[in-house]
Amino acid sequence: MQSFHFFRCRLLKLFGALFLLFVLMGASVMVGVSELSLVSLFTNGDATAQLLLFESRVPRTLALVLAGVGMAVSGTIMQMLARNRFVEPSTAGTVESASLGILAVLLLAPGLPVYGKMLVSTLFALAGTGIFLMILRQFPLRSALMVPLVGIMLGGVISAITTFFAYRYDMMQSLSAWTTGDFSSVIKGRYELLWLSLALTIAAYAAADRFTVIGMGEQFTTNLGLTYIQVVRFGLVIVSMVTACVVVTVGMVPFLGLIVPNIVSMAMGDRLRRSLPWIALTGAGLVLVCDIAGRIVIAPFEIPVGTVLGVLGSVFFLYLVLRKQSRAT
């Protein structure tokens, strides 16, 4: 009876979070430069309002939710692979590698379809993340802070290479348009690739117990009968493909995979089978809040989501570092 009551409370909390997410989605649909009247939309059948709603506002809101879910879950998987709470795609060279892949496509095959761009970006992201994990295995890390520092330095090197070639071939503006985390250009027909990231997120949930186990180390994973390297490769593919989908569609969404998994872990622990739905909901909600705030603060202009998350992520990263140091002392 007590277990049933506990399960019922958890279910009610989850439905409450879903309701809050739908409220934020409704606010995202209604907020914007052009006023959207529900009366004129459903009563008068205003063609302009319908066009604005179904061609721009709804696709943008769905893109925000899908990107938030994918990047939050990817950050969680990255933290399990590296066994470090400070790691996520933007602090492990994954995002920078995906951006380098996009630049390679723009230079060598500019007419490649968007799925081709995503595939090339995925391969570069997979290679960059693999290099990051290889570097971590080469030397013992005495401090947890060394892991994200290694990733940030690797990302800096990759970003410098990307900037060099972009400047050399006069592609800086094109690269900036692809990599800035901005959802203002999302319309119907330009966000559907993100549904693939949702499918990958569902696959990650199906393997949640395996990712929880590898977070305890290679020896522990082997003792339980799992093939450590296969689970790592599966995780790398999910992280790389989700990152590539998001970068190709809307650009960089930094620090989301750092903020959300740590917040949920503080409240619920590290068992992914239980926490992943909350990570996904929190990631989607945080991106929606940042986008709504970016549209309101300096209206009628917008602050890109990547900029807002960059500020929040930097502050939260410093909080985690100071919290870690205060515990150590």
C-alpha atoms as a PDB file:
ATOM      1  CA  MET A   1       0.000   0.000   0.000  1.00  0.00           C
ATOM      2  CA  GLN A   2       2.838   2.357   0.841  1.00  0.00           C
ATOM      3  CA  SER A   3       4.607   1.601  -2.461  1.00  0.00           C
ATOM      4  CA  PHE A   4       1.370   2.292  -4.364  1.00  0.00           C
ATOM      5  CA  HIS A   5       1.003   5.653  -2.610  1.00  0.00           C
ATOM      6  CA  PHE A   6       4.630   6.506  -3.475  1.00  0.00           C
ATOM      7  CA  PHE A   7       4.080   5.566  -7.130  1.00  0.00           C
ATOM      8  CA  ARG A   8       0.878   7.628  -7.219  1.00  0.00           C
ATOM      9  CA  CYS A   9       2.711  10.692  -5.854  1.00  0.00           C
ATOM     10  CA  ARG A  10       5.446  10.331  -8.453  1.00  0.00           C
ATOM     11  CA  LEU A  11       2.867  10.020 -11.217  1.00  0.00           C
ATOM     12  CA  LEU A  12       1.021  13.119 -10.027  1.00  0.00           C
ATOM     13  CA  LYS A  13       4.260  15.110  -9.946  1.00  0.00           C
ATOM     14  CA  LEU A  14       5.090  13.972 -13.471  1.00  0.00           C
ATOM     15  CA  PHE A  15       1.664  15.008 -14.759  1.00  0.00           C
ATOM     16  CA  GLY A  16       2.082  18.348 -12.993  1.00  0.00           C
ATOM     17  CA  ALA A  17       5.407  18.876 -14.775  1.00  0.00           C
ATOM     18  CA  LEU A  18       3.797  17.958 -18.100  1.00  0.00           C
ATOM     19  CA  PHE A  19       0.993  20.451 -17.470  1.00  0.00           C
ATOM     20  CA  LEU A  20       3.541  23.186 -16.710  1.00  0.00           C
ATOM     21  CA  LEU A  21       5.410  22.316 -19.916  1.00  0.00           C
ATOM     22  CA  PHE A  22       2.211  22.677 -21.956  1.00  0.00           C
ATOM     23  CA  VAL A  23       1.565  26.048 -20.299  1.00  0.00           C
ATOM     24  CA  LEU A  24       5.041  27.197 -21.355  1.00  0.00           C
ATOM     25  CA  MET A  25       4.429  25.889 -24.871  1.00  0.00           C
ATOM     26  CA  GLY A  26       1.198  27.879 -25.020  1.00  0.00           C
ATOM     27  CA  ALA A  27       3.018  31.007 -23.850  1.00  0.00           C
ATOM     28  CA  SER A  28       5.704  30.420 -26.487  1.00  0.00           C
ATOM     29  CA  VAL A  29       3.060  30.218 -29.210  1.00  0.00           C
ATOM     30  CA  MET A  30       1.423  33.461 -28.114  1.00  0.00           C
ATOM     31  CA  VAL A  31       4.564  35.577 -27.493  1.00  0.00           C
ATOM     32  CA  GLY A  32       6.118  37.377 -30.457  1.00  0.00           C
ATOM     33  CA  VAL A  33       6.423  40.600 -32.436  1.00  0.00           C
ATOM     34  CA  SER A  34       3.185  39.985 -34.333  1.00  0.00           C
ATOM     35  CA  GLU A  35       0.110  39.799 -32.143  1.00  0.00           C
ATOM     36  CA  LEU A  36      -1.772  36.534 -32.339  1.00  0.00           C
ATOM     37  CA  SER A  37      -5.452  36.675 -31.364  1.00  0.00           C
ATOM     38  CA  LEU A  38      -7.195  33.393 -30.614  1.00  0.00           C
ATOM     39  CA  VAL A  39     -10.556  35.068 -31.299  1.00  0.00           C
ATOM     40  CA  SER A  40      -9.568  36.091 -34.827  1.00  0.00           C
ATOM     41  CA  LEU A  41      -7.894  32.738 -35.353  1.00  0.00           C
ATOM     42  CA  PHE A  42     -10.742  30.392 -34.447  1.00  0.00           C
ATOM     43  CA  THR A  43     -13.807  32.633 -34.741  1.00  0.00           C
ATOM     44  CA  ASN A  44     -13.116  34.799 -37.768  1.00  0.00           C
ATOM     45  CA  GLY A  45     -10.832  32.335 -39.543  1.00  0.00           C
ATOM     46  CA  ASP A  46      -8.087  34.933 -40.076  1.00  0.00           C
ATOM     47  CA  ALA A  47      -5.803  33.497 -42.782  1.00  0.00           C
ATOM     48  CA  THR A  48      -2.844  35.629 -41.686  1.00  0.00           C
ATOM     49  CA  ALA A  49      -3.159  34.456 -38.076  1.00  0.00           C
ATOM     50  CA  GLN A  50      -3.411  30.841 -39.199  1.00  0.00           C
ATOM     51  CA  LEU A  51      -0.318  31.222 -41.357  1.00  0.00           C
ATOM     52  CA  LEU A  52       1.617  32.759 -38.468  1.00  0.00           C
ATOM     53  CA  LEU A  53       0.500  30.042 -36.070  1.00  0.00           C
ATOM     54  CA  PHE A  54       1.070  26.922 -38.146  1.00  0.00           C
ATOM     55  CA  GLU A  55       4.029  28.057 -40.255  1.00  0.00           C
ATOM     56  CA  SER A  56       6.083  29.830 -37.571  1.00  0.00           C
ATOM     57  CA  ARG A  57       4.915  29.745 -33.944  1.00  0.00           C
ATOM     58  CA  VAL A  58       4.058  26.031 -33.630  1.00  0.00           C
ATOM     59  CA  PRO A  59       7.203  24.809 -35.471  1.00  0.00           C
ATOM     60  CA  ARG A  60       9.360  27.106 -33.342  1.00  0.00           C
ATOM     61  CA  THR A  61       7.804  25.839 -30.121  1.00  0.00           C
ATOM     62  CA  LEU A  62       8.224  22.208 -31.172  1.00  0.00           C
ATOM     63  CA  ALA A  63      11.844  22.879 -32.140  1.00  0.00           C
ATOM     64  CA  LEU A  64      12.491  24.400 -28.708  1.00  0.00           C
ATOM     65  CA  VAL A  65      11.030  21.378 -26.947  1.00  0.00           C
ATOM     66  CA  LEU A  66      12.832  18.808 -29.111  1.00  0.00           C
ATOM     67  CA  ALA A  67      16.187  20.587 -28.856  1.00  0.00           C
ATOM     68  CA  GLY A  68      15.829  20.955 -25.083  1.00  0.00           C
ATOM     69  CA  VAL A  69      14.958  17.298 -24.595  1.00  0.00           C
ATOM     70  CA  GLY A  70      17.758  16.054 -26.847  1.00  0.00           C
ATOM     71  CA  MET A  71      20.570  18.213 -25.474  1.00  0.00           C
ATOM     72  CA  ALA A  72      19.605  17.612 -21.822  1.00  0.00           C
ATOM     73  CA  VAL A  73      19.583  13.826 -22.281  1.00  0.00           C
ATOM     74  CA  SER A  74      22.825  13.987 -24.311  1.00  0.00           C
ATOM     75  CA  GLY A  75      24.502  15.877 -21.482  1.00  0.00           C
ATOM     76  CA  THR A  76      23.402  13.178 -19.044  1.00  0.00           C
ATOM     77  CA  ILE A  77      24.856  10.418 -21.219  1.00  0.00           C
ATOM     78  CA  MET A  78      28.114  12.359 -21.604  1.00  0.00           C
ATOM     79  CA  GLN A  79      28.406  12.650 -17.830  1.00  0.00           C
ATOM     80  CA  MET A  80      27.943   8.912 -17.463  1.00  0.00           C
ATOM     81  CA  LEU A  81      30.499   8.135 -20.167  1.00  0.00           C
ATOM     82  CA  ALA A  82      33.123  10.456 -18.656  1.00  0.00           C
ATOM     83  CA  ARG A  83      32.003   9.783 -15.057  1.00  0.00           C
ATOM     84  CA  ASN A  84      32.123  13.497 -14.377  1.00  0.00           C
ATOM     85  CA  ARG A  85      29.355  15.965 -13.519  1.00  0.00           C
ATOM     86  CA  PHE A  86      31.057  18.879 -15.299  1.00  0.00           C
ATOM     87  CA  VAL A  87      30.940  17.305 -18.779  1.00  0.00           C
ATOM     88  CA  GLU A  88      28.398  17.920 -21.546  1.00  0.00           C
ATOM     89  CA  PRO A  89      28.624  18.317 -25.359  1.00  0.00           C
ATOM     90  CA  SER A  90      29.754  21.967 -25.172  1.00  0.00           C
ATOM     91  CA  THR A  91      32.518  21.172 -22.628  1.00  0.00           C
ATOM     92  CA  ALA A  92      33.806  18.046 -24.371  1.00  0.00           C
ATOM     93  CA  GLY A  93      34.524  19.307 -27.892  1.00  0.00           C
ATOM     94  CA  THR A  94      31.398  17.648 -29.327  1.00  0.00           C
ATOM     95  CA  VAL A  95      29.603  20.826 -30.378  1.00  0.00           C
ATOM     96  CA  GLU A  96      32.782  22.366 -31.803  1.00  0.00           C
ATOM     97  CA  SER A  97      33.462  19.184 -33.792  1.00  0.00           C
ATOM     98  CA  ALA A  98      29.931  19.245 -35.202  1.00  0.00           C
ATOM     99  CA  SER A  99      30.477  22.866 -36.242  1.00  0.00           C
ATOM    100  CA  LEU A 100      33.722  21.894 -37.984  1.00  0.00           C
ATOM    101  CA  GLY A 101      31.755  19.241 -39.867  1.00  0.00           C
ATOM    102  CA  ILE A 102      29.253  21.860 -41.027  1.00  0.00           C
ATOM    103  CA  LEU A 103      32.104  24.078 -42.245  1.00  0.00           C
ATOM    104  CA  ALA A 104      33.593  21.143 -44.159  1.00  0.00           C
ATOM    105  CA  VAL A 105      30.244  20.625 -45.900  1.00  0.00           C
ATOM    106  CA  LEU A 106      29.899  24.328 -46.694  1.00  0.00           C
ATOM    107  CA  LEU A 107      33.369  24.358 -48.257  1.00  0.00           C
ATOM    108  CA  LEU A 108      33.427  21.006 -50.064  1.00  0.00           C
ATOM    109  CA  ALA A 109      29.767  20.170 -50.784  1.00  0.00           C
ATOM    110  CA  PRO A 110      27.532  23.209 -50.246  1.00  0.00           C
ATOM    111  CA  GLY A 111      24.659  21.650 -52.186  1.00  0.00           C
ATOM    112  CA  LEU A 112      24.430  18.610 -49.902  1.00  0.00           C
ATOM    113  CA  PRO A 113      20.894  18.009 -48.514  1.00  0.00           C
ATOM    114  CA  VAL A 114      20.262  18.757 -44.867  1.00  0.00           C
ATOM    115  CA  TYR A 115      20.356  15.056 -43.940  1.00  0.00           C
ATOM    116  CA  GLY A 116      23.754  14.825 -45.609  1.00  0.00           C
ATOM    117  CA  LYS A 117      24.950  17.806 -43.576  1.00  0.00           C
ATOM    118  CA  MET A 118      23.656  16.099 -40.442  1.00  0.00           C
ATOM    119  CA  LEU A 119      25.485  12.867 -41.286  1.00  0.00           C
ATOM    120  CA  VAL A 120      28.806  14.635 -41.882  1.00  0.00           C
ATOM    121  CA  SER A 121      28.341  16.705 -38.731  1.00  0.00           C
ATOM    122  CA  THR A 122      27.585  13.503 -36.791  1.00  0.00           C
ATOM    123  CA  LEU A 123      30.811  11.871 -37.988  1.00  0.00           C
ATOM    124  CA  PHE A 124      32.854  14.907 -36.940  1.00  0.00           C
ATOM    125  CA  ALA A 125      31.069  15.064 -33.576  1.00  0.00           C
ATOM    126  CA  LEU A 126      31.667  11.356 -33.041  1.00  0.00           C
ATOM    127  CA  ALA A 127      35.356  11.768 -33.853  1.00  0.00           C
ATOM    128  CA  GLY A 128      35.736  14.778 -31.548  1.00  0.00           C
ATOM    129  CA  THR A 129      33.993  13.057 -28.643  1.00  0.00           C
ATOM    130  CA  GLY A 130      36.063   9.916 -29.193  1.00  0.00           C
ATOM    131  CA  ILE A 131      39.273  11.967 -29.081  1.00  0.00           C
ATOM    132  CA  PHE A 132      38.100  13.562 -25.832  1.00  0.00           C
ATOM    133  CA  LEU A 133      37.501  10.178 -24.184  1.00  0.00           C
ATOM    134  CA  MET A 134      40.829   8.856 -25.509  1.00  0.00           C
ATOM    135  CA  ILE A 135      42.654  11.797 -23.954  1.00  0.00           C
ATOM    136  CA  LEU A 136      40.972  11.136 -20.611  1.00  0.00           C
ATOM    137  CA  ARG A 137      42.169   7.507 -20.663  1.00  0.00           C
ATOM    138  CA  GLN A 138      45.799   8.497 -21.302  1.00  0.00           C
ATOM    139  CA  PHE A 139      46.535  10.055 -17.948  1.00  0.00           C
ATOM    140  CA  PRO A 140      45.107   9.921 -14.419  1.00  0.00           C
ATOM    141  CA  LEU A 141      42.967  12.882 -13.463  1.00  0.00           C
ATOM    142  CA  ARG A 142      43.576  13.951  -9.869  1.00  0.00           C
ATOM    143  CA  SER A 143      40.763  16.489  -9.895  1.00  0.00           C
ATOM    144  CA  ALA A 144      37.229  16.322 -11.288  1.00  0.00           C
ATOM    145  CA  LEU A 145      37.726  19.840 -12.642  1.00  0.00           C
ATOM    146  CA  MET A 146      40.471  18.627 -14.977  1.00  0.00           C
ATOM    147  CA  VAL A 147      37.978  16.711 -17.116  1.00  0.00           C
ATOM    148  CA  PRO A 148      35.936  19.715 -18.311  1.00  0.00           C
ATOM    149  CA  LEU A 149      39.126  21.768 -18.631  1.00  0.00           C
ATOM    150  CA  VAL A 150      40.528  19.144 -21.012  1.00  0.00           C
ATOM    151  CA  GLY A 151      37.254  19.237 -22.974  1.00  0.00           C
ATOM    152  CA  ILE A 152      37.194  23.035 -23.088  1.00  0.00           C
ATOM    153  CA  MET A 153      40.806  23.130 -24.313  1.00  0.00           C
ATOM    154  CA  LEU A 154      40.076  20.493 -26.954  1.00  0.00           C
ATOM    155  CA  GLY A 155      36.987  22.448 -28.033  1.00  0.00           C
ATOM    156  CA  GLY A 156      39.090  25.616 -28.178  1.00  0.00           C
ATOM    157  CA  VAL A 157      41.606  23.957 -30.499  1.00  0.00           C
ATOM    158  CA  ILE A 158      38.858  22.621 -32.780  1.00  0.00           C
ATOM    159  CA  SER A 159      37.087  25.996 -32.731  1.00  0.00           C
ATOM    160  CA  ALA A 160      40.359  27.735 -33.656  1.00  0.00           C
ATOM    161  CA  ILE A 161      40.810  25.395 -36.628  1.00  0.00           C
ATOM    162  CA  THR A 162      37.214  26.053 -37.702  1.00  0.00           C
ATOM    163  CA  THR A 163      37.660  29.815 -37.412  1.00  0.00           C
ATOM    164  CA  PHE A 164      40.926  29.722 -39.370  1.00  0.00           C
ATOM    165  CA  PHE A 165      39.432  27.939 -42.366  1.00  0.00           C
ATOM    166  CA  ALA A 166      36.224  29.977 -42.197  1.00  0.00           C
ATOM    167  CA  TYR A 167      38.244  33.214 -42.233  1.00  0.00           C
ATOM    168  CA  ARG A 168      40.578  31.897 -44.926  1.00  0.00           C
ATOM    169  CA  TYR A 169      37.702  31.117 -47.300  1.00  0.00           C
ATOM    170  CA  ASP A 170      35.448  34.043 -46.296  1.00  0.00           C
ATOM    171  CA  MET A 171      32.861  31.818 -44.621  1.00  0.00           C
ATOM    172  CA  MET A 172      32.669  33.502 -41.208  1.00  0.00           C
ATOM    173  CA  GLN A 173      29.190  34.921 -41.751  1.00  0.00           C
ATOM    174  CA  SER A 174      27.821  31.647 -43.119  1.00  0.00           C
ATOM    175  CA  LEU A 175      29.339  29.685 -40.250  1.00  0.00           C
ATOM    176  CA  SER A 176      27.905  32.110 -37.701  1.00  0.00           C
ATOM    177  CA  ALA A 177      24.453  31.718 -39.230  1.00  0.00           C
ATOM    178  CA  TRP A 178      24.705  27.944 -38.829  1.00  0.00           C
ATOM    179  CA  THR A 179      26.149  27.806 -35.320  1.00  0.00           C
ATOM    180  CA  THR A 180      24.374  30.588 -33.399  1.00  0.00           C
ATOM    181  CA  GLY A 181      21.745  29.066 -31.105  1.00  0.00           C
ATOM    182  CA  ASP A 182      18.830  31.027 -32.548  1.00  0.00           C
ATOM    183  CA  PHE A 183      15.304  29.718 -33.095  1.00  0.00           C
ATOM    184  CA  SER A 184      13.945  32.840 -34.791  1.00  0.00           C
ATOM    185  CA  SER A 185      14.481  31.387 -38.268  1.00  0.00           C
ATOM    186  CA  VAL A 186      12.650  28.136 -37.526  1.00  0.00           C
ATOM    187  CA  ILE A 187       9.630  27.645 -39.766  1.00  0.00           C
ATOM    188  CA  LYS A 188       7.664  24.694 -41.050  1.00  0.00           C
ATOM    189  CA  GLY A 189       9.934  22.472 -43.147  1.00  0.00           C
ATOM    190  CA  ARG A 190      13.141  23.583 -41.360  1.00  0.00           C
ATOM    191  CA  TYR A 191      12.918  21.830 -38.006  1.00  0.00           C
ATOM    192  CA  GLU A 192      11.688  18.295 -38.773  1.00  0.00           C
ATOM    193  CA  LEU A 193      15.202  16.864 -38.430  1.00  0.00           C
ATOM    194  CA  LEU A 194      14.831  17.356 -34.680  1.00  0.00           C
ATOM    195  CA  TRP A 195      12.256  14.563 -34.538  1.00  0.00           C
ATOM    196  CA  LEU A 196      15.212  12.230 -35.093  1.00  0.00           C
ATOM    197  CA  SER A 197      16.730  13.525 -31.869  1.00  0.00           C
ATOM    198  CA  LEU A 198      13.490  12.581 -30.075  1.00  0.00           C
ATOM    199  CA  ALA A 199      13.735   9.032 -31.433  1.00  0.00           C
ATOM    200  CA  LEU A 200      17.342   8.849 -30.208  1.00  0.00           C
ATOM    201  CA  THR A 201      16.249  10.138 -26.806  1.00  0.00           C
ATOM    202  CA  ILE A 202      13.694   7.321 -26.577  1.00  0.00           C
ATOM    203  CA  ALA A 203      16.465   4.859 -27.489  1.00  0.00           C
ATOM    204  CA  ALA A 204      18.582   6.348 -24.698  1.00  0.00           C
ATOM    205  CA  TYR A 205      15.740   5.782 -22.228  1.00  0.00           C
ATOM    206  CA  ALA A 206      15.487   2.156 -23.358  1.00  0.00           C
ATOM    207  CA  ALA A 207      19.180   1.740 -22.452  1.00  0.00           C
ATOM    208  CA  ALA A 208      18.982   3.867 -19.300  1.00  0.00           C
ATOM    209  CA  ASP A 209      19.978   1.038 -16.948  1.00  0.00           C
ATOM    210  CA  ARG A 210      23.088   0.296 -19.010  1.00  0.00           C
ATOM    211  CA  PHE A 211      24.173   3.940 -18.901  1.00  0.00           C
ATOM    212  CA  THR A 212      23.627   3.963 -15.134  1.00  0.00           C
ATOM    213  CA  VAL A 213      25.913   0.924 -14.825  1.00  0.00           C
ATOM    214  CA  ILE A 214      28.760   2.301 -16.957  1.00  0.00           C
ATOM    215  CA  GLY A 215      28.675   5.412 -14.806  1.00  0.00           C
ATOM    216  CA  MET A 216      30.080   3.172 -12.050  1.00  0.00           C
ATOM    217  CA  GLY A 217      33.184   2.227 -14.014  1.00  0.00           C
ATOM    218  CA  GLU A 218      34.471  -0.296 -16.545  1.00  0.00           C
ATOM    219  CA  GLN A 219      35.301  -3.031 -14.040  1.00  0.00           C
ATOM    220  CA  PHE A 220      31.901  -2.861 -12.370  1.00  0.00           C
ATOM    221  CA  THR A 221      30.187  -2.944 -15.774  1.00  0.00           C
ATOM    222  CA  THR A 222      32.168  -6.021 -16.854  1.00  0.00           C
ATOM    223  CA  ASN A 223      31.425  -7.812 -13.587  1.00  0.00           C
ATOM    224  CA  LEU A 224      27.703  -7.395 -14.276  1.00  0.00           C
ATOM    225  CA  GLY A 225      28.087  -9.089 -17.666  1.00  0.00           C
ATOM    226  CA  LEU A 226      27.805  -6.015 -19.897  1.00  0.00           C
ATOM    227  CA  THR A 227      30.236  -5.233 -22.714  1.00  0.00           C
ATOM    228  CA  TYR A 228      31.586  -1.857 -21.647  1.00  0.00           C
ATOM    229  CA  ILE A 229      32.894  -0.728 -25.030  1.00  0.00           C
ATOM    230  CA  GLN A 230      29.590  -1.520 -26.800  1.00  0.00           C
ATOM    231  CA  VAL A 231      27.578   0.578 -24.349  1.00  0.00           C
ATOM    232  CA  VAL A 232      30.099   3.432 -24.692  1.00  0.00           C
ATOM    233  CA  ARG A 233      29.894   3.296 -28.483  1.00  0.00           C
ATOM    234  CA  PHE A 234      26.090   3.323 -28.346  1.00  0.00           C
ATOM    235  CA  GLY A 235      26.181   6.348 -26.045  1.00  0.00           C
ATOM    236  CA  LEU A 236      28.658   8.153 -28.302  1.00  0.00           C
ATOM    237  CA  VAL A 237      26.446   7.598 -31.348  1.00  0.00           C
ATOM    238  CA  ILE A 238      23.387   8.986 -29.536  1.00  0.00           C
ATOM    239  CA  VAL A 239      25.261  12.053 -28.238  1.00  0.00           C
ATOM    240  CA  SER A 240      26.886  12.763 -31.597  1.00  0.00           C
ATOM    241  CA  MET A 241      23.715  12.383 -33.653  1.00  0.00           C
ATOM    242  CA  VAL A 242      21.572  14.469 -31.289  1.00  0.00           C
ATOM    243  CA  THR A 243      24.226  17.207 -31.161  1.00  0.00           C
ATOM    244  CA  ALA A 244      24.524  17.199 -34.955  1.00  0.00           C
ATOM    245  CA  CYS A 245      20.732  17.396 -35.386  1.00  0.00           C
ATOM    246  CA  VAL A 246      20.498  20.389 -33.063  1.00  0.00           C
ATOM    247  CA  VAL A 247      23.532  22.218 -34.482  1.00  0.00           C
ATOM    248  CA  VAL A 248      22.450  21.707 -38.087  1.00  0.00           C
ATOM    249  CA  THR A 249      18.898  22.878 -37.330  1.00  0.00           C
ATOM    250  CA  VAL A 250      19.259  25.745 -34.843  1.00  0.00           C
ATOM    251  CA  GLY A 251      22.952  26.056 -33.946  1.00  0.00           C
ATOM    252  CA  MET A 252      24.733  25.704 -30.607  1.00  0.00           C
ATOM    253  CA  VAL A 253      22.664  25.376 -27.428  1.00  0.00           C
ATOM    254  CA  PRO A 254      25.425  25.526 -24.787  1.00  0.00           C
ATOM    255  CA  PHE A 255      25.462  24.332 -21.168  1.00  0.00           C
ATOM    256  CA  LEU A 256      21.963  22.843 -21.256  1.00  0.00           C
ATOM    257  CA  GLY A 257      23.384  19.364 -20.717  1.00  0.00           C
ATOM    258  CA  LEU A 258      25.348  20.707 -17.753  1.00  0.00           C
ATOM    259  CA  ILE A 259      22.587  22.590 -15.950  1.00  0.00           C
ATOM    260  CA  VAL A 260      19.651  20.197 -16.211  1.00  0.00           C
ATOM    261  CA  PRO A 261      21.247  16.813 -15.304  1.00  0.00           C
ATOM    262  CA  ASN A 262      22.942  18.316 -12.242  1.00  0.00           C
ATOM    263  CA  ILE A 263      19.739  19.947 -11.002  1.00  0.00           C
ATOM    264  CA  VAL A 264      17.744  16.726 -11.437  1.00  0.00           C
ATOM    265  CA  SER A 265      20.542  14.640  -9.918  1.00  0.00           C
ATOM    266  CA  MET A 266      20.565  16.800  -6.789  1.00  0.00           C
ATOM    267  CA  ALA A 267      16.858  16.101  -6.338  1.00  0.00           C
ATOM    268  CA  MET A 268      16.495  12.507  -7.579  1.00  0.00           C
ATOM    269  CA  GLY A 269      19.893  10.806  -7.688  1.00  0.00           C
ATOM    270  CA  ASP A 270      21.656   9.084 -10.579  1.00  0.00           C
ATOM    271  CA  ARG A 271      19.274   6.279 -11.500  1.00  0.00           C
ATOM    272  CA  LEU A 272      18.528   7.198 -15.122  1.00  0.00           C
ATOM    273  CA  ARG A 273      15.458   5.006 -15.497  1.00  0.00           C
ATOM    274  CA  ARG A 274      13.758   7.267 -12.960  1.00  0.00           C
ATOM    275  CA  SER A 275      15.422  10.607 -13.685  1.00  0.00           C
ATOM    276  CA  LEU A 276      15.552  10.716 -17.521  1.00  0.00           C
ATOM    277  CA  PRO A 277      11.881  11.742 -17.964  1.00  0.00           C
ATOM    278  CA  TRP A 278      12.463  14.605 -15.532  1.00  0.00           C
ATOM    279  CA  ILE A 279      15.681  15.569 -17.296  1.00  0.00           C
ATOM    280  CA  ALA A 280      13.836  15.676 -20.623  1.00  0.00           C
ATOM    281  CA  LEU A 281      10.960  17.770 -19.218  1.00  0.00           C
ATOM    282  CA  THR A 282      13.289  20.144 -17.393  1.00  0.00           C
ATOM    283  CA  GLY A 283      15.465  20.595 -20.479  1.00  0.00           C
ATOM    284  CA  ALA A 284      12.474  21.431 -22.648  1.00  0.00           C
ATOM    285  CA  GLY A 285      11.060  23.791 -20.037  1.00  0.00           C
ATOM    286  CA  LEU A 286      14.359  25.616 -19.536  1.00  0.00           C
ATOM    287  CA  VAL A 287      14.807  26.231 -23.266  1.00  0.00           C
ATOM    288  CA  LEU A 288      11.228  27.502 -23.516  1.00  0.00           C
ATOM    289  CA  VAL A 289      11.742  29.887 -20.589  1.00  0.00           C
ATOM    290  CA  CYS A 290      15.013  31.210 -22.060  1.00  0.00           C
ATOM    291  CA  ASP A 291      13.404  31.726 -25.468  1.00  0.00           C
ATOM    292  CA  ILE A 292      10.369  33.520 -24.039  1.00  0.00           C
ATOM    293  CA  ALA A 293      12.642  35.739 -21.923  1.00  0.00           C
ATOM    294  CA  GLY A 294      14.809  36.482 -24.955  1.00  0.00           C
ATOM    295  CA  ARG A 295      11.745  37.618 -26.916  1.00  0.00           C
ATOM    296  CA  ILE A 296      10.403  39.840 -24.121  1.00  0.00           C
ATOM    297  CA  VAL A 297      13.475  41.571 -22.647  1.00  0.00           C
ATOM    298  CA  ILE A 298      14.336  43.796 -25.624  1.00  0.00           C
ATOM    299  CA  ALA A 299      11.159  43.425 -27.688  1.00  0.00           C
ATOM    300  CA  PRO A 300      10.610  43.770 -30.612  1.00  0.00           C
ATOM    301  CA  PHE A 301      14.177  42.425 -30.942  1.00  0.00           C
ATOM    302  CA  GLU A 302      15.337  39.036 -29.670  1.00  0.00           C
ATOM    303  CA  ILE A 303      18.183  37.660 -27.605  1.00  0.00           C
ATOM    304  CA  PRO A 304      19.179  34.233 -28.998  1.00  0.00           C
ATOM    305  CA  VAL A 305      18.559  31.227 -26.766  1.00  0.00           C
ATOM    306  CA  GLY A 306      22.233  30.287 -27.028  1.00  0.00           C
ATOM    307  CA  THR A 307      23.222  33.634 -25.505  1.00  0.00           C
ATOM    308  CA  VAL A 308      20.778  33.341 -22.585  1.00  0.00           C
ATOM    309  CA  LEU A 309      21.814  29.752 -21.868  1.00  0.00           C
ATOM    310  CA  GLY A 310      25.476  30.715 -22.166  1.00  0.00           C
ATOM    311  CA  VAL A 311      25.071  33.266 -19.372  1.00  0.00           C
ATOM    312  CA  LEU A 312      23.046  30.914 -17.169  1.00  0.00           C
ATOM    313  CA  GLY A 313      25.389  28.009 -17.859  1.00  0.00           C
ATOM    314  CA  SER A 314      28.498  30.014 -17.001  1.00  0.00           C
ATOM    315  CA  VAL A 315      26.996  31.091 -13.676  1.00  0.00           C
ATOM    316  CA  PHE A 316      25.867  27.536 -12.888  1.00  0.00           C
ATOM    317  CA  PHE A 317      29.274  26.108 -13.837  1.00  0.00           C
ATOM    318  CA  LEU A 318      30.952  28.508 -11.403  1.00  0.00           C
ATOM    319  CA  TYR A 319      28.414  27.502  -8.749  1.00  0.00           C
ATOM    320  CA  LEU A 320      29.272  23.823  -9.228  1.00  0.00           C
ATOM    321  CA  VAL A 321      33.004  24.557  -9.032  1.00  0.00           C
ATOM    322  CA  LEU A 322      32.655  26.600  -5.840  1.00  0.00           C
ATOM    323  CA  ARG A 323      30.328  23.986  -4.349  1.00  0.00           C
ATOM    324  CA  LYS A 324      32.849  21.259  -5.144  1.00  0.00           C
ATOM    325  CA  GLN A 325      35.689  23.240  -3.563  1.00  0.00           C
ATOM    326  CA  SER A 326      33.686  24.051  -0.421  1.00  0.00           C
ATOM    327  CA  ARG A 327      32.920  20.342   0.033  1.00  0.00           C
ATOM    328  CA  ALA A 328      36.586  19.460  -0.471  1.00  0.00           C
ATOM    329  CA  THR A 329      37.655  21.875   2.270  1.00  0.00           C
END
